[in-house]
Amino acid sequence: MSGLRVAVRSLGEVLITLGALILLYVVYQLFWTNVTADQATNATATQLRQEWSRPPVPARPGAPTPAASAAVPSGDAMALMYIPRLGKDWVEPVVQGVALSDLARGIGHYPSTALPGQVGNFAVAGHRATHGQPLAYIDQIRDGDLVVVETRTEWFTYVVDRHLIVAPTDTWVLDPVPGKPGATPTASLITITSCNPRWASYQRWIIFGHLVSTTPRVGDTLPPSLAG
């Protein structure tokens, strides 16, 4: 019997240890990843604003302008995104790339898609749970809502057209003209992707929209789409 008691006691200690480790992992995922992601997001946004406040470096003769070039280095921030429906203080940096390290710093831009304001499909992704969860409430965004993107020189205002839930393999949502493979784009579109349901990843929540206005960026003046 003494041997059985020792075995039961040992098993109990192992289970308690495993339970503690699982609890620590859950706390890390649900809490600490949000803390570190928020810090990284704020630092990225601050750094981008500081960069914009400095005069741009003159382009070399014959070099493409930033607005016409898709060669934004991986991991670099390129813009700030505002979605008023998610709160008056909701603003996220848009970072080149959709790796986990990129999405932990804000909204990730799919490198193969258009840049903000360009003709084509400006497609981005963001976490809905953990790691900052910037799109936690993507389901609250409504058709007709605005998505505003700020760059060094311009404000681009998009309006939401529709929502769609698709499988992760439905990469056609990133095409220049979603749903029309091979079509030549003639409009400036936006596609926002996130996981669905919120605490799982076996589906993707998709938001489609189109550009409705472009406003020059002048100092700290907000565009009409945000001024109200």
C-alpha atoms as a PDB file:
ATOM      1  CA  MET A   1       0.000   0.000   0.000  1.00  0.00           C
ATOM      2  CA  SER A   2       2.839   2.369   0.788  1.00  0.00           C
ATOM      3  CA  GLY A   3       4.109   2.020  -2.775  1.00  0.00           C
ATOM      4  CA  LEU A   4       0.629   2.812  -4.134  1.00  0.00           C
ATOM      5  CA  ARG A   5       0.363   5.910  -1.922  1.00  0.00           C
ATOM      6  CA  VAL A   6       3.732   7.119  -3.174  1.00  0.00           C
ATOM      7  CA  ALA A   7       2.664   6.592  -6.790  1.00  0.00           C
ATOM      8  CA  VAL A   8      -0.637   8.414  -6.270  1.00  0.00           C
ATOM      9  CA  ARG A   9       1.120  11.279  -4.475  1.00  0.00           C
ATOM     10  CA  SER A  10       3.693  11.558  -7.274  1.00  0.00           C
ATOM     11  CA  LEU A  11       0.980  11.546  -9.924  1.00  0.00           C
ATOM     12  CA  GLY A  12      -0.887  14.256  -8.056  1.00  0.00           C
ATOM     13  CA  GLU A  13       2.218  16.432  -7.869  1.00  0.00           C
ATOM     14  CA  VAL A  14       2.812  15.999 -11.600  1.00  0.00           C
ATOM     15  CA  LEU A  15      -0.793  16.980 -12.395  1.00  0.00           C
ATOM     16  CA  ILE A  16      -0.584  20.045 -10.133  1.00  0.00           C
ATOM     17  CA  THR A  17       2.643  21.113 -11.866  1.00  0.00           C
ATOM     18  CA  LEU A  18       1.102  20.613 -15.300  1.00  0.00           C
ATOM     19  CA  GLY A  19      -1.968  22.585 -14.249  1.00  0.00           C
ATOM     20  CA  ALA A  20       0.209  25.456 -13.044  1.00  0.00           C
ATOM     21  CA  LEU A  21       2.168  25.491 -16.299  1.00  0.00           C
ATOM     22  CA  ILE A  22      -1.037  25.509 -18.354  1.00  0.00           C
ATOM     23  CA  LEU A  23      -2.409  28.364 -16.245  1.00  0.00           C
ATOM     24  CA  LEU A  24       0.793  30.365 -16.752  1.00  0.00           C
ATOM     25  CA  TYR A  25       0.606  29.799 -20.508  1.00  0.00           C
ATOM     26  CA  VAL A  26      -3.024  30.957 -20.609  1.00  0.00           C
ATOM     27  CA  VAL A  27      -2.130  34.100 -18.642  1.00  0.00           C
ATOM     28  CA  TYR A  28       0.759  34.726 -21.034  1.00  0.00           C
ATOM     29  CA  GLN A  29      -1.444  34.358 -24.113  1.00  0.00           C
ATOM     30  CA  LEU A  30      -4.458  36.293 -22.852  1.00  0.00           C
ATOM     31  CA  PHE A  31      -2.691  39.051 -20.935  1.00  0.00           C
ATOM     32  CA  TRP A  32       1.039  39.401 -21.383  1.00  0.00           C
ATOM     33  CA  THR A  33       1.056  39.182 -25.209  1.00  0.00           C
ATOM     34  CA  ASN A  34      -1.390  42.104 -25.234  1.00  0.00           C
ATOM     35  CA  VAL A  35       0.852  44.131 -22.911  1.00  0.00           C
ATOM     36  CA  THR A  36       3.978  43.603 -25.008  1.00  0.00           C
ATOM     37  CA  ALA A  37       2.090  44.120 -28.286  1.00  0.00           C
ATOM     38  CA  ASP A  38       0.570  47.398 -27.045  1.00  0.00           C
ATOM     39  CA  GLN A  39       4.040  48.611 -26.093  1.00  0.00           C
ATOM     40  CA  ALA A  40       5.426  47.653 -29.503  1.00  0.00           C
ATOM     41  CA  THR A  41       2.483  49.249 -31.305  1.00  0.00           C
ATOM     42  CA  ASN A  42       2.820  52.536 -29.437  1.00  0.00           C
ATOM     43  CA  ALA A  43       6.569  52.616 -30.051  1.00  0.00           C
ATOM     44  CA  THR A  44       6.065  51.918 -33.774  1.00  0.00           C
ATOM     45  CA  ALA A  45       3.442  54.659 -34.137  1.00  0.00           C
ATOM     46  CA  THR A  46       5.613  57.159 -32.258  1.00  0.00           C
ATOM     47  CA  GLN A  47       8.654  56.333 -34.363  1.00  0.00           C
ATOM     48  CA  LEU A  48       6.643  56.729 -37.570  1.00  0.00           C
ATOM     49  CA  ARG A  49       5.293  60.132 -36.544  1.00  0.00           C
ATOM     50  CA  GLN A  50       8.795  61.272 -35.625  1.00  0.00           C
ATOM     51  CA  GLU A  51      10.045  60.130 -39.020  1.00  0.00           C
ATOM     52  CA  TRP A  52       7.278  62.048 -40.774  1.00  0.00           C
ATOM     53  CA  SER A  53       8.139  65.186 -38.816  1.00  0.00           C
ATOM     54  CA  ARG A  54      11.590  65.210 -40.409  1.00  0.00           C
ATOM     55  CA  PRO A  55      12.136  66.390 -44.006  1.00  0.00           C
ATOM     56  CA  PRO A  56      12.069  63.448 -46.428  1.00  0.00           C
ATOM     57  CA  VAL A  57      15.354  62.297 -47.892  1.00  0.00           C
ATOM     58  CA  PRO A  58      15.596  63.508 -51.534  1.00  0.00           C
ATOM     59  CA  ALA A  59      15.180  60.678 -54.021  1.00  0.00           C
ATOM     60  CA  ARG A  60      18.043  59.776 -56.331  1.00  0.00           C
ATOM     61  CA  PRO A  61      17.579  60.870 -59.938  1.00  0.00           C
ATOM     62  CA  GLY A  62      15.528  58.265 -61.764  1.00  0.00           C
ATOM     63  CA  ALA A  63      14.513  56.433 -58.569  1.00  0.00           C
ATOM     64  CA  PRO A  64      10.806  55.599 -58.130  1.00  0.00           C
ATOM     65  CA  THR A  65       8.854  57.783 -55.727  1.00  0.00           C
ATOM     66  CA  PRO A  66       7.619  56.173 -52.488  1.00  0.00           C
ATOM     67  CA  ALA A  67       4.002  56.409 -53.661  1.00  0.00           C
ATOM     68  CA  ALA A  68       4.814  54.434 -56.796  1.00  0.00           C
ATOM     69  CA  SER A  69       7.122  51.871 -55.249  1.00  0.00           C
ATOM     70  CA  ALA A  70       5.992  48.696 -53.509  1.00  0.00           C
ATOM     71  CA  ALA A  71       9.504  48.106 -52.165  1.00  0.00           C
ATOM     72  CA  VAL A  72       8.727  48.925 -48.535  1.00  0.00           C
ATOM     73  CA  PRO A  73      11.236  46.949 -46.427  1.00  0.00           C
ATOM     74  CA  SER A  74       9.786  44.043 -44.489  1.00  0.00           C
ATOM     75  CA  GLY A  75       8.897  45.024 -40.937  1.00  0.00           C
ATOM     76  CA  ASP A  76       8.884  48.766 -41.645  1.00  0.00           C
ATOM     77  CA  ALA A  77       5.847  50.863 -40.735  1.00  0.00           C
ATOM     78  CA  MET A  78       4.295  52.628 -43.710  1.00  0.00           C
ATOM     79  CA  ALA A  79       1.063  54.190 -42.449  1.00  0.00           C
ATOM     80  CA  LEU A  80      -1.374  54.680 -39.595  1.00  0.00           C
ATOM     81  CA  MET A  81      -4.895  53.270 -39.756  1.00  0.00           C
ATOM     82  CA  TYR A  82      -7.991  54.711 -38.056  1.00  0.00           C
ATOM     83  CA  ILE A  83     -11.358  52.955 -37.744  1.00  0.00           C
ATOM     84  CA  PRO A  84     -13.761  55.329 -35.950  1.00  0.00           C
ATOM     85  CA  ARG A  85     -16.323  52.571 -35.334  1.00  0.00           C
ATOM     86  CA  LEU A  86     -13.792  50.850 -33.038  1.00  0.00           C
ATOM     87  CA  GLY A  87     -13.289  53.991 -30.926  1.00  0.00           C
ATOM     88  CA  LYS A  88     -12.192  57.598 -31.292  1.00  0.00           C
ATOM     89  CA  ASP A  89      -8.740  56.651 -30.001  1.00  0.00           C
ATOM     90  CA  TRP A  90      -8.370  53.540 -32.173  1.00  0.00           C
ATOM     91  CA  VAL A  91      -5.250  53.955 -34.298  1.00  0.00           C
ATOM     92  CA  GLU A  92      -2.815  51.264 -35.405  1.00  0.00           C
ATOM     93  CA  PRO A  93       0.440  51.394 -37.376  1.00  0.00           C
ATOM     94  CA  VAL A  94       0.444  49.484 -40.649  1.00  0.00           C
ATOM     95  CA  VAL A  95       3.592  47.373 -40.930  1.00  0.00           C
ATOM     96  CA  GLN A  96       4.975  45.709 -44.053  1.00  0.00           C
ATOM     97  CA  GLY A  97       4.455  41.954 -43.661  1.00  0.00           C
ATOM     98  CA  VAL A  98       2.041  39.550 -41.995  1.00  0.00           C
ATOM     99  CA  ALA A  99       4.466  37.392 -39.994  1.00  0.00           C
ATOM    100  CA  LEU A 100       3.695  36.982 -36.286  1.00  0.00           C
ATOM    101  CA  SER A 101       6.434  39.484 -35.463  1.00  0.00           C
ATOM    102  CA  ASP A 102       4.786  42.039 -37.781  1.00  0.00           C
ATOM    103  CA  LEU A 103       1.265  41.491 -36.448  1.00  0.00           C
ATOM    104  CA  ALA A 104       2.557  41.948 -32.898  1.00  0.00           C
ATOM    105  CA  ARG A 105       3.348  45.567 -33.829  1.00  0.00           C
ATOM    106  CA  GLY A 106       0.041  46.547 -35.414  1.00  0.00           C
ATOM    107  CA  ILE A 107      -1.808  45.847 -38.661  1.00  0.00           C
ATOM    108  CA  GLY A 108       0.156  43.851 -41.241  1.00  0.00           C
ATOM    109  CA  HIS A 109       0.208  44.695 -44.952  1.00  0.00           C
ATOM    110  CA  TYR A 110       0.292  41.819 -47.438  1.00  0.00           C
ATOM    111  CA  PRO A 111       3.452  42.715 -49.414  1.00  0.00           C
ATOM    112  CA  SER A 112       2.108  41.488 -52.750  1.00  0.00           C
ATOM    113  CA  THR A 113      -0.879  43.862 -52.640  1.00  0.00           C
ATOM    114  CA  ALA A 114      -1.263  47.567 -53.426  1.00  0.00           C
ATOM    115  CA  LEU A 115      -0.011  50.337 -51.168  1.00  0.00           C
ATOM    116  CA  PRO A 116      -2.473  52.782 -49.545  1.00  0.00           C
ATOM    117  CA  GLY A 117      -4.348  54.804 -52.134  1.00  0.00           C
ATOM    118  CA  GLN A 118      -2.993  52.899 -55.122  1.00  0.00           C
ATOM    119  CA  VAL A 119      -5.227  51.367 -57.765  1.00  0.00           C
ATOM    120  CA  GLY A 120      -5.626  47.728 -56.806  1.00  0.00           C
ATOM    121  CA  ASN A 121      -6.266  45.991 -53.509  1.00  0.00           C
ATOM    122  CA  PHE A 122      -4.620  47.371 -50.357  1.00  0.00           C
ATOM    123  CA  ALA A 123      -4.930  44.228 -48.197  1.00  0.00           C
ATOM    124  CA  VAL A 124      -4.085  44.013 -44.495  1.00  0.00           C
ATOM    125  CA  ALA A 125      -4.436  41.610 -41.556  1.00  0.00           C
ATOM    126  CA  GLY A 126      -4.697  41.948 -37.806  1.00  0.00           C
ATOM    127  CA  HIS A 127      -5.129  39.811 -34.698  1.00  0.00           C
ATOM    128  CA  ARG A 128      -8.594  39.419 -33.241  1.00  0.00           C
ATOM    129  CA  ALA A 129      -7.413  37.804 -30.007  1.00  0.00           C
ATOM    130  CA  THR A 130      -4.122  38.100 -28.075  1.00  0.00           C
ATOM    131  CA  HIS A 131      -0.990  39.912 -29.310  1.00  0.00           C
ATOM    132  CA  GLY A 132      -2.667  43.302 -29.028  1.00  0.00           C
ATOM    133  CA  GLN A 133      -5.926  42.107 -30.640  1.00  0.00           C
ATOM    134  CA  PRO A 134      -6.489  45.327 -32.659  1.00  0.00           C
ATOM    135  CA  LEU A 135      -9.389  43.743 -34.555  1.00  0.00           C
ATOM    136  CA  ALA A 136     -11.056  42.126 -31.537  1.00  0.00           C
ATOM    137  CA  TYR A 137     -14.339  43.808 -32.457  1.00  0.00           C
ATOM    138  CA  ILE A 138     -14.167  43.609 -36.226  1.00  0.00           C
ATOM    139  CA  ASP A 139     -17.683  42.178 -36.124  1.00  0.00           C
ATOM    140  CA  GLN A 140     -18.966  45.580 -34.919  1.00  0.00           C
ATOM    141  CA  ILE A 141     -17.838  47.353 -38.094  1.00  0.00           C
ATOM    142  CA  ARG A 142     -20.819  48.108 -40.326  1.00  0.00           C
ATOM    143  CA  ASP A 143     -21.288  48.631 -44.058  1.00  0.00           C
ATOM    144  CA  GLY A 144     -20.818  52.325 -44.748  1.00  0.00           C
ATOM    145  CA  ASP A 145     -18.274  52.795 -41.942  1.00  0.00           C
ATOM    146  CA  LEU A 146     -15.018  54.583 -42.703  1.00  0.00           C
ATOM    147  CA  VAL A 147     -11.449  53.298 -42.615  1.00  0.00           C
ATOM    148  CA  VAL A 148      -8.889  56.105 -42.809  1.00  0.00           C
ATOM    149  CA  VAL A 149      -5.225  55.546 -43.665  1.00  0.00           C
ATOM    150  CA  GLU A 150      -2.606  58.211 -42.972  1.00  0.00           C
ATOM    151  CA  THR A 151       0.721  58.304 -44.817  1.00  0.00           C
ATOM    152  CA  ARG A 152       3.531  60.855 -44.797  1.00  0.00           C
ATOM    153  CA  THR A 153       1.869  62.929 -47.526  1.00  0.00           C
ATOM    154  CA  GLU A 154      -1.816  61.983 -47.690  1.00  0.00           C
ATOM    155  CA  TRP A 155      -4.971  60.804 -45.958  1.00  0.00           C
ATOM    156  CA  PHE A 156      -6.902  58.046 -47.726  1.00  0.00           C
ATOM    157  CA  THR A 157     -10.523  57.470 -46.721  1.00  0.00           C
ATOM    158  CA  TYR A 158     -12.170  54.153 -47.577  1.00  0.00           C
ATOM    159  CA  VAL A 159     -15.788  53.154 -47.029  1.00  0.00           C
ATOM    160  CA  VAL A 160     -16.762  49.623 -46.023  1.00  0.00           C
ATOM    161  CA  ASP A 161     -18.849  47.824 -48.648  1.00  0.00           C
ATOM    162  CA  ARG A 162     -19.435  44.341 -47.237  1.00  0.00           C
ATOM    163  CA  HIS A 163     -18.334  41.566 -44.894  1.00  0.00           C
ATOM    164  CA  LEU A 164     -17.626  37.937 -45.731  1.00  0.00           C
ATOM    165  CA  ILE A 165     -16.550  34.829 -43.810  1.00  0.00           C
ATOM    166  CA  VAL A 166     -14.308  32.494 -45.809  1.00  0.00           C
ATOM    167  CA  ALA A 167     -11.910  29.579 -45.360  1.00  0.00           C
ATOM    168  CA  PRO A 168      -8.212  30.331 -44.737  1.00  0.00           C
ATOM    169  CA  THR A 169      -7.473  28.880 -48.188  1.00  0.00           C
ATOM    170  CA  ASP A 170      -9.623  31.514 -49.946  1.00  0.00           C
ATOM    171  CA  THR A 171      -6.690  33.725 -50.864  1.00  0.00           C
ATOM    172  CA  TRP A 172      -8.651  35.222 -53.762  1.00  0.00           C
ATOM    173  CA  VAL A 173      -9.724  37.934 -51.303  1.00  0.00           C
ATOM    174  CA  LEU A 174      -6.212  39.376 -51.731  1.00  0.00           C
ATOM    175  CA  ASP A 175      -6.407  39.576 -55.538  1.00  0.00           C
ATOM    176  CA  PRO A 176      -6.243  43.028 -57.193  1.00  0.00           C
ATOM    177  CA  VAL A 177      -9.962  42.610 -57.940  1.00  0.00           C
ATOM    178  CA  PRO A 178     -11.317  40.150 -55.326  1.00  0.00           C
ATOM    179  CA  GLY A 179     -13.534  37.515 -56.891  1.00  0.00           C
ATOM    180  CA  LYS A 180     -12.362  38.299 -60.423  1.00  0.00           C
ATOM    181  CA  PRO A 181      -9.114  36.417 -61.048  1.00  0.00           C
ATOM    182  CA  GLY A 182      -6.932  37.975 -63.723  1.00  0.00           C
ATOM    183  CA  ALA A 183      -9.007  41.166 -63.914  1.00  0.00           C
ATOM    184  CA  THR A 184      -7.165  44.473 -64.276  1.00  0.00           C
ATOM    185  CA  PRO A 185      -7.997  46.767 -61.350  1.00  0.00           C
ATOM    186  CA  THR A 186      -9.431  50.191 -62.061  1.00  0.00           C
ATOM    187  CA  ALA A 187     -10.346  51.234 -58.506  1.00  0.00           C
ATOM    188  CA  SER A 188      -8.505  51.603 -55.200  1.00  0.00           C
ATOM    189  CA  LEU A 189      -9.813  48.928 -52.852  1.00  0.00           C
ATOM    190  CA  ILE A 190      -9.136  47.833 -49.282  1.00  0.00           C
ATOM    191  CA  THR A 191      -9.420  44.356 -47.771  1.00  0.00           C
ATOM    192  CA  ILE A 192      -9.125  43.741 -44.025  1.00  0.00           C
ATOM    193  CA  THR A 193      -8.682  40.164 -42.801  1.00  0.00           C
ATOM    194  CA  SER A 194      -8.810  38.612 -39.339  1.00  0.00           C
ATOM    195  CA  CYS A 195      -9.596  35.303 -37.664  1.00  0.00           C
ATOM    196  CA  ASN A 196     -13.087  33.981 -37.051  1.00  0.00           C
ATOM    197  CA  PRO A 197     -14.408  33.027 -34.526  1.00  0.00           C
ATOM    198  CA  ARG A 198     -12.510  35.381 -32.252  1.00  0.00           C
ATOM    199  CA  TRP A 199     -10.800  32.643 -30.223  1.00  0.00           C
ATOM    200  CA  ALA A 200     -10.152  30.295 -33.134  1.00  0.00           C
ATOM    201  CA  SER A 201      -8.597  30.400 -36.589  1.00  0.00           C
ATOM    202  CA  TYR A 202     -10.483  27.965 -38.792  1.00  0.00           C
ATOM    203  CA  GLN A 203     -12.204  30.806 -40.677  1.00  0.00           C
ATOM    204  CA  ARG A 204     -11.340  34.318 -41.833  1.00  0.00           C
ATOM    205  CA  TRP A 205     -13.475  37.431 -41.339  1.00  0.00           C
ATOM    206  CA  ILE A 206     -13.118  39.674 -44.384  1.00  0.00           C
ATOM    207  CA  ILE A 207     -14.055  43.318 -44.862  1.00  0.00           C
ATOM    208  CA  PHE A 208     -14.089  44.836 -48.342  1.00  0.00           C
ATOM    209  CA  GLY A 209     -14.153  48.550 -49.094  1.00  0.00           C
ATOM    210  CA  HIS A 210     -13.241  51.177 -51.669  1.00  0.00           C
ATOM    211  CA  LEU A 211     -11.476  54.554 -51.666  1.00  0.00           C
ATOM    212  CA  VAL A 212     -13.790  57.570 -51.564  1.00  0.00           C
ATOM    213  CA  SER A 213     -11.426  60.488 -50.951  1.00  0.00           C
ATOM    214  CA  THR A 214      -7.786  61.531 -50.848  1.00  0.00           C
ATOM    215  CA  THR A 215      -6.715  64.552 -48.796  1.00  0.00           C
ATOM    216  CA  PRO A 216      -3.209  66.067 -48.604  1.00  0.00           C
ATOM    217  CA  ARG A 217      -1.626  65.681 -45.179  1.00  0.00           C
ATOM    218  CA  VAL A 218      -0.798  69.106 -43.777  1.00  0.00           C
ATOM    219  CA  GLY A 219       0.779  69.165 -40.329  1.00  0.00           C
ATOM    220  CA  ASP A 220      -1.571  67.863 -37.649  1.00  0.00           C
ATOM    221  CA  THR A 221      -4.747  68.846 -39.493  1.00  0.00           C
ATOM    222  CA  LEU A 222      -7.241  65.968 -39.618  1.00  0.00           C
ATOM    223  CA  PRO A 223      -9.116  65.129 -42.819  1.00  0.00           C
ATOM    224  CA  PRO A 224     -12.885  65.796 -42.931  1.00  0.00           C
ATOM    225  CA  SER A 225     -13.528  62.060 -42.432  1.00  0.00           C
ATOM    226  CA  LEU A 226     -11.951  62.236 -38.943  1.00  0.00           C
ATOM    227  CA  ALA A 227     -12.476  65.874 -37.997  1.00  0.00           C
ATOM    228  CA  GLY A 228     -16.100  65.234 -37.070  1.00  0.00           C
END
